[in-house]
Amino acid sequence: MVKWDADGGRIATTMFEAAAFRRGVRIRCDCGHTAVLNPYRLWWHFHSKHLDDEIEATMRCFRCTKCRRRGRVSIDMIDGGWTETALPMPSESEWKRAVARFRC
């Protein structure tokens, strides 16, 4: 379910919403390491493995590539600028099907 901020902007609560709103996902570890991830690839990763894509639920799934700790991250949504490319992209037809379900 989409949330709204004080200025009327949309706040993504799932990885699918982050992708639909074209927001990059910035992950910050407690050690200070930061990565900006592609929201389409993240959504597809969680969707294809039948995992919960709620932002709060995904926080425990991430492992820092620098210190190797798991679950000690914070997640922010930013405009564009993602740098991660290791995860596969969804096919265009799969993405269109998901968007059609989202609009219903």
N, C-alpha and C. Protein backbone atom coordinates (compact mmCIF):
# COMPACT_ATOMS: atom_id res chain seq x y z
N MET A 1 0.85 -1.17 0.00
CA MET A 1 0.00 0.00 0.00
C MET A 1 0.89 1.24 0.00
N VAL A 2 0.65 2.14 -0.89
CA VAL A 2 1.46 3.35 -1.03
C VAL A 2 1.18 4.29 0.14
N LYS A 3 2.26 4.86 0.66
CA LYS A 3 2.15 5.89 1.69
C LYS A 3 2.50 7.22 1.05
N TRP A 4 2.08 8.30 1.70
CA TRP A 4 2.33 9.64 1.19
C TRP A 4 3.09 10.44 2.24
N ASP A 5 4.06 11.27 1.79
CA ASP A 5 4.77 12.12 2.74
C ASP A 5 4.03 13.44 2.91
N ALA A 6 4.56 14.33 3.74
CA ALA A 6 3.90 15.60 4.05
C ALA A 6 3.75 16.50 2.82
N ASP A 7 4.64 16.35 1.84
CA ASP A 7 4.60 17.17 0.63
C ASP A 7 3.73 16.56 -0.47
N GLY A 8 3.10 15.43 -0.20
CA GLY A 8 2.26 14.79 -1.20
C GLY A 8 2.99 13.82 -2.10
N GLY A 9 4.25 13.54 -1.80
CA GLY A 9 5.03 12.58 -2.59
C GLY A 9 4.74 11.16 -2.16
N ARG A 10 4.93 10.22 -3.08
CA ARG A 10 4.69 8.81 -2.79
C ARG A 10 5.89 8.20 -2.08
N ILE A 11 5.62 7.38 -1.09
CA ILE A 11 6.66 6.65 -0.37
C ILE A 11 6.46 5.17 -0.67
N ALA A 12 7.45 4.53 -1.26
CA ALA A 12 7.35 3.12 -1.59
C ALA A 12 7.45 2.27 -0.32
N THR A 13 6.59 1.26 -0.22
CA THR A 13 6.63 0.34 0.92
C THR A 13 7.07 -1.06 0.50
N THR A 14 7.16 -1.29 -0.82
CA THR A 14 7.63 -2.57 -1.34
C THR A 14 8.66 -2.31 -2.44
N MET A 15 9.41 -3.35 -2.78
CA MET A 15 10.38 -3.23 -3.87
C MET A 15 9.66 -2.99 -5.20
N PHE A 16 8.47 -3.58 -5.37
CA PHE A 16 7.73 -3.35 -6.61
C PHE A 16 7.36 -1.87 -6.73
N GLU A 17 6.89 -1.26 -5.64
CA GLU A 17 6.54 0.16 -5.69
C GLU A 17 7.77 1.02 -5.98
N ALA A 18 8.92 0.66 -5.42
CA ALA A 18 10.16 1.40 -5.71
C ALA A 18 10.45 1.36 -7.21
N ALA A 19 10.27 0.20 -7.83
CA ALA A 19 10.50 0.08 -9.27
C ALA A 19 9.44 0.85 -10.05
N ALA A 20 8.19 0.73 -9.64
CA ALA A 20 7.10 1.42 -10.35
C ALA A 20 7.26 2.93 -10.27
N PHE A 21 7.80 3.43 -9.16
CA PHE A 21 8.01 4.87 -8.98
C PHE A 21 9.38 5.32 -9.48
N ARG A 22 10.17 4.37 -10.04
CA ARG A 22 11.52 4.64 -10.57
C ARG A 22 12.44 5.24 -9.51
N ARG A 23 12.44 4.63 -8.33
CA ARG A 23 13.27 5.10 -7.23
C ARG A 23 14.40 4.10 -6.99
N GLY A 24 15.63 4.58 -6.93
CA GLY A 24 16.75 3.72 -6.60
C GLY A 24 16.68 3.35 -5.12
N VAL A 25 17.24 2.20 -4.78
CA VAL A 25 17.22 1.71 -3.40
C VAL A 25 18.63 1.82 -2.84
N ARG A 26 18.81 2.76 -1.90
CA ARG A 26 20.12 2.95 -1.29
C ARG A 26 20.17 2.14 0.00
N ILE A 27 21.15 1.24 0.07
CA ILE A 27 21.35 0.39 1.24
C ILE A 27 22.58 0.90 1.97
N ARG A 28 22.43 1.14 3.27
CA ARG A 28 23.55 1.58 4.10
C ARG A 28 23.78 0.59 5.23
N CYS A 29 25.00 0.12 5.35
CA CYS A 29 25.36 -0.79 6.43
C CYS A 29 25.82 0.03 7.64
N ASP A 30 25.77 -0.57 8.81
CA ASP A 30 26.26 0.09 10.02
C ASP A 30 27.75 0.43 9.93
N CYS A 31 28.51 -0.31 9.10
CA CYS A 31 29.94 -0.05 8.96
C CYS A 31 30.24 1.18 8.11
N GLY A 32 29.19 1.73 7.45
CA GLY A 32 29.36 2.92 6.63
C GLY A 32 29.35 2.66 5.14
N HIS A 33 29.37 1.40 4.73
CA HIS A 33 29.36 1.06 3.31
C HIS A 33 27.97 1.34 2.73
N THR A 34 27.93 1.90 1.52
CA THR A 34 26.67 2.27 0.87
C THR A 34 26.66 1.73 -0.56
N ALA A 35 25.48 1.26 -0.99
CA ALA A 35 25.29 0.83 -2.37
C ALA A 35 23.91 1.31 -2.82
N VAL A 36 23.80 1.68 -4.09
CA VAL A 36 22.52 2.09 -4.66
C VAL A 36 22.13 1.02 -5.67
N LEU A 37 21.01 0.35 -5.40
CA LEU A 37 20.60 -0.81 -6.18
C LEU A 37 19.47 -0.49 -7.14
N ASN A 38 19.45 -1.21 -8.24
CA ASN A 38 18.43 -1.07 -9.26
C ASN A 38 17.12 -1.66 -8.74
N PRO A 39 16.04 -0.88 -8.66
CA PRO A 39 14.79 -1.39 -8.08
C PRO A 39 14.13 -2.48 -8.91
N TYR A 40 14.29 -2.45 -10.24
CA TYR A 40 13.70 -3.48 -11.09
C TYR A 40 14.36 -4.83 -10.82
N ARG A 41 15.67 -4.82 -10.73
CA ARG A 41 16.41 -6.06 -10.46
C ARG A 41 16.10 -6.58 -9.06
N LEU A 42 15.99 -5.71 -8.08
CA LEU A 42 15.66 -6.14 -6.73
C LEU A 42 14.26 -6.75 -6.67
N TRP A 43 13.29 -6.07 -7.28
CA TRP A 43 11.94 -6.61 -7.28
C TRP A 43 11.93 -7.99 -7.92
N TRP A 44 12.59 -8.13 -9.06
CA TRP A 44 12.59 -9.41 -9.75
C TRP A 44 13.25 -10.49 -8.91
N HIS A 45 14.32 -10.15 -8.21
CA HIS A 45 15.00 -11.12 -7.35
C HIS A 45 14.05 -11.66 -6.29
N PHE A 46 13.36 -10.76 -5.59
CA PHE A 46 12.43 -11.19 -4.53
C PHE A 46 11.21 -11.89 -5.12
N HIS A 47 10.67 -11.38 -6.21
CA HIS A 47 9.47 -11.96 -6.83
C HIS A 47 9.75 -13.37 -7.36
N SER A 48 10.86 -13.57 -8.05
CA SER A 48 11.15 -14.87 -8.66
C SER A 48 11.45 -15.94 -7.62
N LYS A 49 11.87 -15.55 -6.43
CA LYS A 49 12.12 -16.50 -5.35
C LYS A 49 10.94 -16.62 -4.38
N HIS A 50 9.84 -15.95 -4.72
CA HIS A 50 8.62 -15.96 -3.91
C HIS A 50 8.88 -15.46 -2.48
N LEU A 51 9.71 -14.43 -2.37
CA LEU A 51 10.02 -13.81 -1.08
C LEU A 51 9.19 -12.55 -0.90
N ASP A 52 8.96 -12.18 0.34
CA ASP A 52 8.23 -10.96 0.66
C ASP A 52 9.06 -9.76 0.22
N ASP A 53 8.47 -8.85 -0.55
CA ASP A 53 9.23 -7.69 -1.03
C ASP A 53 8.91 -6.42 -0.26
N GLU A 54 8.27 -6.54 0.91
CA GLU A 54 8.05 -5.38 1.78
C GLU A 54 9.42 -4.86 2.22
N ILE A 55 9.59 -3.55 2.23
CA ILE A 55 10.89 -2.94 2.56
C ILE A 55 11.39 -3.42 3.92
N GLU A 56 10.53 -3.41 4.92
CA GLU A 56 10.94 -3.83 6.27
C GLU A 56 11.38 -5.30 6.29
N ALA A 57 10.71 -6.15 5.53
CA ALA A 57 11.06 -7.58 5.50
C ALA A 57 12.37 -7.82 4.76
N THR A 58 12.67 -7.01 3.75
CA THR A 58 13.88 -7.23 2.97
C THR A 58 15.14 -6.80 3.70
N MET A 59 15.02 -5.96 4.70
CA MET A 59 16.21 -5.45 5.38
C MET A 59 17.06 -6.57 5.97
N ARG A 60 16.45 -7.63 6.44
CA ARG A 60 17.22 -8.72 7.04
C ARG A 60 17.88 -9.63 5.99
N CYS A 61 17.52 -9.46 4.72
CA CYS A 61 18.07 -10.31 3.65
C CYS A 61 19.40 -9.80 3.11
N PHE A 62 19.71 -8.53 3.30
CA PHE A 62 20.91 -7.96 2.71
C PHE A 62 22.15 -8.23 3.55
N ARG A 63 23.26 -8.52 2.86
CA ARG A 63 24.54 -8.73 3.51
C ARG A 63 25.52 -7.70 2.93
N CYS A 64 26.26 -7.03 3.79
CA CYS A 64 27.22 -6.03 3.36
C CYS A 64 28.38 -6.72 2.64
N THR A 65 28.77 -6.18 1.49
CA THR A 65 29.88 -6.77 0.74
C THR A 65 31.24 -6.37 1.32
N LYS A 66 31.23 -5.40 2.22
CA LYS A 66 32.49 -4.96 2.83
C LYS A 66 32.78 -5.70 4.12
N CYS A 67 31.84 -5.68 5.07
CA CYS A 67 32.08 -6.29 6.38
C CYS A 67 31.42 -7.67 6.52
N ARG A 68 30.58 -8.08 5.55
CA ARG A 68 29.92 -9.38 5.49
C ARG A 68 28.83 -9.60 6.55
N ARG A 69 28.45 -8.56 7.28
CA ARG A 69 27.37 -8.72 8.26
C ARG A 69 26.03 -8.69 7.56
N ARG A 70 25.06 -9.38 8.12
CA ARG A 70 23.72 -9.46 7.53
C ARG A 70 22.72 -8.75 8.44
N GLY A 71 21.76 -8.06 7.80
CA GLY A 71 20.64 -7.49 8.53
C GLY A 71 20.90 -6.21 9.29
N ARG A 72 22.05 -5.61 9.15
CA ARG A 72 22.36 -4.38 9.88
C ARG A 72 22.39 -3.21 8.91
N VAL A 73 21.29 -3.03 8.18
CA VAL A 73 21.24 -2.03 7.13
C VAL A 73 20.05 -1.10 7.33
N SER A 74 20.14 0.04 6.67
CA SER A 74 18.99 0.94 6.55
C SER A 74 18.74 1.13 5.05
N ILE A 75 17.49 1.35 4.69
CA ILE A 75 17.12 1.47 3.29
C ILE A 75 16.45 2.81 3.05
N ASP A 76 16.91 3.52 2.02
CA ASP A 76 16.32 4.79 1.59
C ASP A 76 15.99 4.69 0.11
N MET A 77 15.00 5.45 -0.32
CA MET A 77 14.67 5.54 -1.74
C MET A 77 15.22 6.86 -2.28
N ILE A 78 15.90 6.79 -3.43
CA ILE A 78 16.48 7.99 -4.03
C ILE A 78 16.07 8.05 -5.50
N ASP A 79 16.26 9.17 -6.12
CA ASP A 79 15.95 9.33 -7.55
C ASP A 79 17.12 8.85 -8.38
N GLY A 80 16.92 7.75 -9.11
CA GLY A 80 17.92 7.25 -10.06
C GLY A 80 19.28 7.00 -9.47
N GLY A 81 20.26 6.90 -10.33
CA GLY A 81 21.66 6.78 -9.93
C GLY A 81 22.06 5.42 -9.40
N TRP A 82 21.33 4.34 -9.73
CA TRP A 82 21.72 3.04 -9.20
C TRP A 82 22.95 2.54 -9.92
N THR A 83 23.76 1.76 -9.20
CA THR A 83 25.04 1.31 -9.71
C THR A 83 25.16 -0.20 -9.80
N GLU A 84 24.36 -0.94 -9.07
CA GLU A 84 24.44 -2.39 -9.01
C GLU A 84 23.91 -3.00 -10.29
N THR A 85 24.61 -4.02 -10.82
CA THR A 85 24.15 -4.70 -12.03
C THR A 85 24.25 -6.21 -11.92
N ALA A 86 24.52 -6.76 -10.75
CA ALA A 86 24.74 -8.20 -10.61
C ALA A 86 23.47 -9.02 -10.73
N LEU A 87 22.34 -8.49 -10.32
CA LEU A 87 21.09 -9.24 -10.37
C LEU A 87 20.48 -9.17 -11.77
N PRO A 88 19.74 -10.22 -12.17
CA PRO A 88 19.12 -10.22 -13.51
C PRO A 88 17.92 -9.28 -13.57
N MET A 89 17.66 -8.76 -14.76
CA MET A 89 16.49 -7.92 -15.01
C MET A 89 15.30 -8.81 -15.34
N PRO A 90 14.08 -8.36 -14.98
CA PRO A 90 12.90 -9.11 -15.41
C PRO A 90 12.68 -8.90 -16.91
N SER A 91 12.02 -9.84 -17.53
CA SER A 91 11.69 -9.65 -18.95
C SER A 91 10.66 -8.54 -19.06
N GLU A 92 10.58 -7.94 -20.23
CA GLU A 92 9.62 -6.85 -20.42
C GLU A 92 8.19 -7.34 -20.23
N SER A 93 7.90 -8.54 -20.71
CA SER A 93 6.53 -9.07 -20.57
C SER A 93 6.19 -9.34 -19.11
N GLU A 94 7.16 -9.84 -18.33
CA GLU A 94 6.92 -10.09 -16.90
C GLU A 94 6.66 -8.78 -16.17
N TRP A 95 7.44 -7.75 -16.49
CA TRP A 95 7.25 -6.45 -15.86
C TRP A 95 5.88 -5.87 -16.21
N LYS A 96 5.48 -5.97 -17.46
CA LYS A 96 4.18 -5.44 -17.89
C LYS A 96 3.03 -6.17 -17.19
N ARG A 97 3.17 -7.48 -17.01
CA ARG A 97 2.14 -8.24 -16.28
C ARG A 97 2.03 -7.76 -14.84
N ALA A 98 3.15 -7.51 -14.19
CA ALA A 98 3.15 -7.05 -12.81
C ALA A 98 2.53 -5.66 -12.70
N VAL A 99 2.85 -4.78 -13.63
CA VAL A 99 2.27 -3.43 -13.62
C VAL A 99 0.77 -3.50 -13.85
N ALA A 100 0.32 -4.37 -14.71
CA ALA A 100 -1.13 -4.52 -14.95
C ALA A 100 -1.84 -5.01 -13.69
N ARG A 101 -1.23 -5.91 -12.95
CA ARG A 101 -1.82 -6.37 -11.67
C ARG A 101 -1.84 -5.26 -10.65
N PHE A 102 -0.81 -4.43 -10.65
CA PHE A 102 -0.69 -3.32 -9.70
C PHE A 102 -1.78 -2.28 -9.93
N ARG A 103 -2.12 -2.04 -11.17
CA ARG A 103 -3.12 -1.02 -11.50
C ARG A 103 -4.55 -1.45 -11.22
N CYS A 104 -4.79 -2.76 -11.13
CA CYS A 104 -6.16 -3.25 -10.90
C CYS A 104 -6.63 -3.03 -9.48
